[in-house]
Amino acid sequence: MNTVAKQLTSPDHQEQIVISQRDDATFTYQRRMKDGANWGPLGPECGIYDSALTAETEAMQRVSWLALLRQ
């Protein structure tokens, strides 16, 4: 089971990026959408990375709102 390292929430609070450490000590990120008042299930893992920072950097390249938060 993955261990959450960081959660980043979109400015409109409708989407999250969840960065987690996998059982094999690598990292991944997953997207999660708001389903009404609650968070829906995590989507599929988006890659395998050597660190949480690398996973977050990759997410910033692929998720437009996340890149805007970092500017």
Protein backbone atom coordinates (compact mmCIF):
# COMPACT_ATOMS: atom_id res chain seq x y z
CA MET A 1 0.00 0.00 0.00
CA ASN A 2 1.28 3.45 -0.91
CA THR A 3 2.09 6.06 1.74
CA VAL A 4 0.99 9.63 0.96
CA ALA A 5 3.95 12.01 0.86
CA LYS A 6 2.14 15.16 -0.33
CA GLN A 7 -1.27 16.34 -1.51
CA LEU A 8 -1.72 19.36 -3.75
CA THR A 9 -5.18 20.83 -4.29
CA SER A 10 -6.29 22.87 -7.29
CA PRO A 11 -7.28 26.50 -6.71
CA ASP A 12 -10.95 25.65 -7.31
CA HIS A 13 -10.75 22.71 -4.84
CA GLN A 14 -12.08 20.27 -7.44
CA GLU A 15 -8.94 18.21 -8.07
CA GLN A 16 -5.96 16.90 -6.13
CA ILE A 17 -2.59 15.52 -7.05
CA VAL A 18 -1.52 12.91 -4.51
CA ILE A 19 2.18 12.07 -4.43
CA SER A 20 2.93 8.84 -2.64
CA GLN A 21 5.73 6.44 -1.87
CA ARG A 22 5.20 2.95 -3.19
CA ASP A 23 6.07 -0.26 -1.33
CA ASP A 24 9.24 -0.60 -3.43
CA ALA A 25 10.49 2.83 -2.15
CA THR A 26 9.81 4.59 -5.47
CA PHE A 27 7.27 7.40 -5.87
CA THR A 28 4.26 8.07 -8.05
CA TYR A 29 1.46 10.59 -8.36
CA GLN A 30 -2.25 10.13 -8.90
CA ARG A 31 -5.11 12.49 -9.67
CA ARG A 32 -8.30 12.61 -7.65
CA MET A 33 -11.44 14.57 -8.47
CA LYS A 34 -14.09 15.95 -6.13
CA ASP A 35 -17.36 14.04 -6.29
CA GLY A 36 -19.87 16.48 -4.87
CA ALA A 37 -18.76 17.23 -1.30
CA ASN A 38 -16.31 14.31 -1.09
CA TRP A 39 -13.11 13.28 -2.82
CA GLY A 40 -13.52 10.48 -5.32
CA PRO A 41 -11.17 7.52 -5.65
CA LEU A 42 -7.57 7.93 -6.74
CA GLY A 43 -6.92 7.52 -10.43
CA PRO A 44 -4.21 5.27 -11.86
CA GLU A 45 -0.56 5.76 -10.95
CA CYS A 46 1.13 8.20 -13.33
CA GLY A 47 4.67 6.93 -13.66
CA ILE A 48 7.32 5.67 -11.27
CA TYR A 49 9.94 8.10 -9.96
CA ASP A 50 13.02 8.04 -7.75
CA SER A 51 11.81 10.78 -5.37
CA ALA A 52 8.75 12.74 -4.32
CA LEU A 53 10.32 15.85 -5.85
CA THR A 54 10.76 14.12 -9.20
CA ALA A 55 7.13 12.94 -9.11
CA GLU A 56 5.95 16.47 -8.31
CA THR A 57 8.11 17.97 -11.06
CA GLU A 58 6.68 15.52 -13.58
CA ALA A 59 3.12 16.30 -12.41
CA MET A 60 3.85 20.01 -12.92
CA GLN A 61 4.72 19.24 -16.56
CA ARG A 62 1.43 17.44 -17.14
CA VAL A 63 -1.19 19.18 -14.97
CA SER A 64 -1.85 22.74 -16.07
CA TRP A 65 -3.23 24.12 -12.79
CA LEU A 66 -0.31 22.68 -10.82
CA ALA A 67 2.21 24.39 -13.08
CA LEU A 68 0.34 27.69 -12.57
CA LEU A 69 0.58 27.33 -8.77
CA ARG A 70 4.37 27.18 -9.01
CA GLN A 71 4.83 30.35 -11.06
